[in-house]
């Protein structure tokens, strides 16, 4: 497949395809058409075909898609055919919840360490990791081939921490801090603003109510 620019909208749908196909595979369904997948996912069959054509198509006219094959191929596109080593920066409630979420490991995301600047947390066991002081983070990243750092810290310290991570070879940052990070273009950043998602939900609630009250 030749290299070409894939839109973020298409990339954003890939995890949904992967999730639904995994459920179909677990149910023993071997083959599915774009229309059947459309009915499940509430995405048009035309959009599904367009999305998949960005990566070579995967299906045959009149035959549909082999569920297991498509599941595996999308997994490869998402990088799930290899393991990724992660650390968490911030051992508060959110950091602990992420560390304890078992589904990450099933997908190949392996948490190797968790760090905080609160001495009261040092040595506390979260899952199978002990909370380490921030002073040990840089050496840990280098020595353990850490790919991704998860930031669950206040925005006041996130920029400085991100700079240190970049200097020590991090490839990606999953950023829960409410601040935009200015990092080199080769460092991938995925920003997660939980309050934005909640406000989007309340907007849709109000829009639906207004539409049905008119």
Protein backbone atom coordinates (compact mmCIF):
# COMPACT_ATOMS: atom_id res chain seq x y z
CA UNK A 1 0.00 0.00 0.00
CA UNK A 2 1.41 3.38 -1.02
CA UNK A 3 1.84 6.08 1.58
CA UNK A 4 -0.95 8.64 1.43
CA UNK A 5 -2.49 11.09 3.81
CA UNK A 6 -5.40 9.54 5.71
CA UNK A 7 -7.89 11.96 7.25
CA UNK A 8 -8.22 12.11 11.03
CA UNK A 9 -11.94 11.37 10.63
CA UNK A 10 -11.12 8.01 9.03
CA UNK A 11 -8.48 7.25 11.66
CA UNK A 12 -11.01 8.14 14.36
CA UNK A 13 -13.40 5.48 13.06
CA UNK A 14 -10.84 2.66 12.95
CA UNK A 15 -11.03 1.82 16.67
CA UNK A 16 -14.83 1.55 16.37
CA UNK A 17 -14.51 -0.82 13.43
CA UNK A 18 -11.98 -2.85 15.42
CA UNK A 19 -14.25 -3.02 18.45
CA UNK A 20 -17.38 -4.05 16.55
CA UNK A 21 -15.50 -6.59 14.45
CA UNK A 22 -14.05 -8.09 17.62
CA UNK A 23 -17.57 -8.53 18.97
CA UNK A 24 -18.71 -10.14 15.70
CA UNK A 25 -15.71 -12.48 15.75
CA UNK A 26 -16.50 -13.50 19.33
CA UNK A 27 -20.08 -14.28 18.23
CA UNK A 28 -18.74 -16.65 15.57
CA UNK A 29 -19.77 -14.53 12.58
CA UNK A 30 -17.38 -15.26 9.71
CA UNK A 31 -18.51 -12.88 6.99
CA UNK A 32 -20.29 -9.52 6.84
CA UNK A 33 -21.33 -7.08 4.11
CA UNK A 34 -20.74 -3.34 4.25
CA UNK A 35 -24.52 -2.87 4.57
CA UNK A 36 -24.72 -5.23 7.55
CA UNK A 37 -21.78 -3.47 9.18
CA UNK A 38 -23.49 -0.16 8.41
CA UNK A 39 -26.62 -1.25 10.27
CA UNK A 40 -24.57 -2.15 13.34
CA UNK A 41 -22.31 0.90 13.40
CA UNK A 42 -24.69 3.61 12.13
CA UNK A 43 -22.17 4.59 9.45
CA UNK A 44 -23.26 4.46 5.81
CA UNK A 45 -22.15 1.46 3.74
CA UNK A 46 -20.61 3.89 1.24
CA UNK A 47 -18.55 5.52 4.02
CA UNK A 48 -17.37 2.13 5.24
CA UNK A 49 -16.21 1.15 1.74
CA UNK A 50 -14.47 4.51 1.31
CA UNK A 51 -12.73 4.15 4.67
CA UNK A 52 -11.48 0.65 3.88
CA UNK A 53 -10.36 1.66 0.37
CA UNK A 54 -7.81 3.96 2.01
CA UNK A 55 -6.03 0.78 3.12
CA UNK A 56 -6.58 -1.47 0.12
CA UNK A 57 -10.24 -2.41 0.41
CA UNK A 58 -10.19 -5.80 2.26
CA UNK A 59 -13.38 -7.11 0.60
CA UNK A 60 -14.66 -8.64 -2.62
CA UNK A 61 -17.59 -7.42 -4.70
CA UNK A 62 -20.65 -9.49 -3.83
CA UNK A 63 -18.77 -11.40 -1.14
CA UNK A 64 -18.35 -8.92 1.66
CA UNK A 65 -15.66 -9.00 4.32
CA UNK A 66 -14.12 -11.86 6.24
CA UNK A 67 -14.63 -10.73 9.82
CA UNK A 68 -11.50 -12.26 11.37
CA UNK A 69 -9.25 -11.12 8.51
CA UNK A 70 -10.62 -7.57 8.62
CA UNK A 71 -10.29 -7.50 12.42
CA UNK A 72 -6.65 -8.56 12.21
CA UNK A 73 -5.81 -6.13 9.39
CA UNK A 74 -7.32 -3.15 11.18
CA UNK A 75 -5.47 -4.24 14.31
CA UNK A 76 -2.21 -4.08 12.35
CA UNK A 77 -3.06 -0.63 11.00
CA UNK A 78 -3.68 0.51 14.59
CA UNK A 79 -0.35 -0.98 15.70
CA UNK A 80 -2.00 -3.65 17.84
CA UNK A 81 0.08 -6.48 16.39
CA UNK A 82 2.95 -5.39 18.66
CA UNK A 83 3.26 -4.40 22.30
CA UNK A 84 3.71 -0.83 23.49
CA UNK A 85 5.41 0.07 26.77
CA UNK A 86 3.76 2.87 28.73
CA UNK A 87 4.31 4.88 31.88
CA UNK A 88 1.82 6.99 33.80
CA UNK A 89 2.82 10.41 35.12
CA UNK A 90 0.49 11.23 37.99
CA UNK A 91 -0.66 8.61 40.52
CA UNK A 92 -3.91 10.32 41.48
CA UNK A 93 -7.39 8.90 40.96
CA UNK A 94 -7.29 9.05 37.15
CA UNK A 95 -3.78 7.61 36.91
CA UNK A 96 -4.72 4.75 39.23
CA UNK A 97 -7.92 4.04 37.29
CA UNK A 98 -6.01 3.83 34.01
CA UNK A 99 -3.35 1.59 35.53
CA UNK A 100 -6.02 -0.82 36.76
CA UNK A 101 -7.96 -0.99 33.50
CA UNK A 102 -7.31 -4.54 32.28
CA UNK A 103 -8.41 -4.06 28.67
CA UNK A 104 -5.28 -2.07 27.82
CA UNK A 105 -3.07 -5.10 28.41
CA UNK A 106 -5.25 -7.29 26.21
CA UNK A 107 -4.61 -4.81 23.40
CA UNK A 108 -0.84 -4.87 23.91
CA UNK A 109 -0.49 -1.69 25.99
CA UNK A 110 1.79 -2.64 28.88
CA UNK A 111 2.16 -0.28 31.82
CA UNK A 112 5.73 -0.45 33.08
CA UNK A 113 5.82 2.30 35.68
CA UNK A 114 3.92 5.07 37.45
CA UNK A 115 5.41 8.31 38.78
CA UNK A 116 4.35 11.16 41.03
CA UNK A 117 5.91 14.06 42.93
CA UNK A 118 3.96 13.39 46.16
CA UNK A 119 6.25 11.63 48.69
CA UNK A 120 3.18 10.21 50.47
CA UNK A 121 2.55 8.04 47.40
CA UNK A 122 6.10 6.72 46.90
CA UNK A 123 6.20 2.94 47.21
CA UNK A 124 2.42 2.53 47.07
CA UNK A 125 1.49 -0.48 44.95
CA UNK A 126 -0.87 0.18 42.06
CA UNK A 127 -1.62 -3.01 40.19
CA UNK A 128 1.89 -4.54 40.02
CA UNK A 129 3.77 -1.21 40.01
CA UNK A 130 5.22 0.85 42.83
CA UNK A 131 4.81 4.61 42.58
CA UNK A 132 8.23 6.13 41.92
CA UNK A 133 9.42 9.73 42.39
CA UNK A 134 9.57 11.98 39.34
CA UNK A 135 13.35 12.20 39.70
CA UNK A 136 13.61 8.59 38.48
CA UNK A 137 11.40 9.06 35.43
CA UNK A 138 13.97 10.04 32.79
CA UNK A 139 16.34 7.14 33.43
CA UNK A 140 13.38 4.76 33.58
CA UNK A 141 12.13 5.88 30.16
CA UNK A 142 15.54 5.32 28.59
CA UNK A 143 16.26 1.99 30.27
CA UNK A 144 12.84 0.39 29.69
CA UNK A 145 12.21 1.40 26.07
CA UNK A 146 9.07 3.32 26.93
CA UNK A 147 7.03 4.27 23.85
CA UNK A 148 4.13 6.21 25.35
CA UNK A 149 3.69 8.42 28.40
CA UNK A 150 0.27 9.07 29.92
CA UNK A 151 0.00 12.51 31.54
CA UNK A 152 -2.60 12.76 34.31
CA UNK A 153 -1.04 15.76 36.03
CA UNK A 154 -1.97 19.46 36.43
CA UNK A 155 -1.33 21.63 33.38
CA UNK A 156 1.16 23.73 35.35
CA UNK A 157 3.73 20.92 35.29
CA UNK A 158 2.68 19.10 32.09
CA UNK A 159 4.75 21.25 29.70
CA UNK A 160 7.99 20.74 31.65
CA UNK A 161 7.37 17.01 32.03
CA UNK A 162 6.62 16.68 28.31
CA UNK A 163 9.93 18.35 27.44
CA UNK A 164 11.81 15.86 29.61
CA UNK A 165 9.96 12.95 28.03
CA UNK A 166 10.86 14.16 24.53
CA UNK A 167 14.51 14.54 25.51
CA UNK A 168 14.57 10.92 26.67
CA UNK A 169 13.12 9.29 23.56
CA UNK A 170 9.38 9.08 24.11
CA UNK A 171 7.39 8.48 20.90
CA UNK A 172 3.89 9.46 21.98
CA UNK A 173 2.03 11.26 24.75
CA UNK A 174 -1.54 10.52 25.84
CA UNK A 175 -2.34 13.87 27.37
CA UNK A 176 -5.09 14.25 29.97
CA UNK A 177 -3.64 17.58 31.19
CA UNK A 178 -5.68 20.59 30.07
CA UNK A 179 -2.86 22.22 28.14
CA UNK A 180 -1.59 22.12 24.58
CA UNK A 181 1.88 20.61 24.34
CA UNK A 182 4.43 22.11 21.96
CA UNK A 183 6.52 19.09 20.98
CA UNK A 184 8.47 18.17 17.83
CA UNK A 185 6.30 16.92 14.97
CA UNK A 186 7.70 13.39 15.22
CA UNK A 187 6.22 13.08 18.74
CA UNK A 188 2.58 12.03 18.51
CA UNK A 189 0.18 13.60 21.00
CA UNK A 190 -3.40 12.54 21.66
CA UNK A 191 -5.24 15.07 23.83
CA UNK A 192 -8.11 13.84 26.00
CA UNK A 193 -10.33 16.52 27.54
CA UNK A 194 -12.94 14.73 29.62
CA UNK A 195 -14.94 17.90 30.32
CA UNK A 196 -15.14 18.63 26.57
CA UNK A 197 -16.74 15.24 26.02
CA UNK A 198 -19.23 15.87 28.84
CA UNK A 199 -20.12 19.32 27.44
CA UNK A 200 -20.70 17.77 24.02
CA UNK A 201 -23.11 15.35 25.69
CA UNK A 202 -25.05 18.13 27.42
CA UNK A 203 -25.21 20.09 24.14
CA UNK A 204 -26.78 17.09 22.40
CA UNK A 205 -29.24 16.59 25.26
CA UNK A 206 -30.38 20.21 25.02
CA UNK A 207 -30.55 20.12 21.20
CA UNK A 208 -32.71 16.98 21.30
CA UNK A 209 -35.02 18.52 23.91
CA UNK A 210 -35.38 21.74 21.89
CA UNK A 211 -36.13 19.84 18.69
CA UNK A 212 -38.82 17.80 20.37
CA UNK A 213 -40.41 20.75 22.20
CA UNK A 214 -40.90 22.79 19.02
